[in-house]
């Protein structure tokens, strides 16, 4: 190969390698974010369950929002 053609082929090869590495990095980052989100959700749910047992007037909706029932305190 001539010099300029070799440089072009090398540049194409490097770009393709970088695309592959960036795809792998994106995949790894997405997996890491998913695991961290799962950990946070488990922690929050365990706190809510504890709160539900200690304070029965607190209820958790499907949308993960807290709703306080209107209970007349005596």
Protein backbone atom coordinates (compact mmCIF):
# COMPACT_ATOMS: atom_id res chain seq x y z
CA UNK A 1 0.00 0.00 0.00
CA UNK A 2 1.08 3.50 -0.62
CA UNK A 3 1.60 5.79 2.38
CA UNK A 4 -1.60 7.82 2.08
CA UNK A 5 -3.76 4.76 1.55
CA UNK A 6 -2.18 3.09 4.58
CA UNK A 7 -2.95 6.16 6.74
CA UNK A 8 -6.58 6.18 5.57
CA UNK A 9 -7.03 2.47 6.28
CA UNK A 10 -5.43 2.90 9.69
CA UNK A 11 -7.77 5.82 10.45
CA UNK A 12 -10.81 3.76 9.44
CA UNK A 13 -9.64 0.85 11.57
CA UNK A 14 -9.14 3.11 14.60
CA UNK A 15 -12.59 4.70 14.19
CA UNK A 16 -14.21 1.25 14.06
CA UNK A 17 -12.30 0.16 17.16
CA UNK A 18 -13.39 3.29 19.00
CA UNK A 19 -17.03 2.66 18.04
CA UNK A 20 -16.82 -0.87 19.43
CA UNK A 21 -15.18 0.30 22.65
CA UNK A 22 -17.69 3.10 23.12
CA UNK A 23 -20.58 0.64 22.61
CA UNK A 24 -19.08 -1.69 25.22
CA UNK A 25 -18.56 1.21 27.60
CA UNK A 26 -22.16 2.38 27.09
CA UNK A 27 -23.42 -1.13 27.77
CA UNK A 28 -21.32 -1.39 30.94
CA UNK A 29 -22.44 2.04 32.12
CA UNK A 30 -26.10 1.18 31.51
CA UNK A 31 -25.71 -2.03 33.52
CA UNK A 32 -24.00 -0.15 36.35
CA UNK A 33 -26.77 2.48 36.41
CA UNK A 34 -29.43 -0.24 36.44
CA UNK A 35 -27.79 -1.99 39.39
CA UNK A 36 -27.41 1.26 41.34
CA UNK A 37 -31.05 2.19 40.68
CA UNK A 38 -32.14 -1.26 41.86
CA UNK A 39 -30.14 -0.86 45.07
CA UNK A 40 -31.71 2.55 45.75
CA UNK A 41 -35.21 1.23 45.08
CA UNK A 42 -34.68 -1.76 47.40
CA UNK A 43 -33.43 0.55 50.13
CA UNK A 44 -36.41 2.90 49.74
CA UNK A 45 -38.89 0.01 49.67
CA UNK A 46 -37.42 -1.49 52.82
CA UNK A 47 -37.70 1.90 54.52
CA UNK A 48 -41.31 2.22 53.39
CA UNK A 49 -42.14 -1.28 54.63
CA UNK A 50 -40.62 -0.42 57.98
CA UNK A 51 -42.61 2.83 58.05
CA UNK A 52 -45.81 0.95 57.16
CA UNK A 53 -45.33 -1.42 60.06
CA UNK A 54 -44.52 1.30 62.57
CA UNK A 55 -47.05 3.88 61.24
CA UNK A 56 -50.11 2.17 59.76
CA UNK A 57 -51.64 5.44 58.55
CA UNK A 58 -48.99 5.65 55.78
CA UNK A 59 -49.78 3.87 52.53
CA UNK A 60 -47.69 3.41 49.40
CA UNK A 61 -49.36 3.78 46.00
CA UNK A 62 -48.32 1.95 42.86
CA UNK A 63 -46.65 5.13 41.67
CA UNK A 64 -44.37 5.07 44.76
CA UNK A 65 -45.88 8.23 46.21
CA UNK A 66 -46.72 8.48 49.87
CA UNK A 67 -50.32 9.08 50.76
CA UNK A 68 -51.42 9.76 54.30
CA UNK A 69 -54.87 8.52 55.18
CA UNK A 70 -57.14 10.92 57.00
CA UNK A 71 -57.31 9.31 60.40
CA UNK A 72 -58.87 11.28 63.20
CA UNK A 73 -56.50 11.27 66.14
CA UNK A 74 -58.17 10.78 69.48
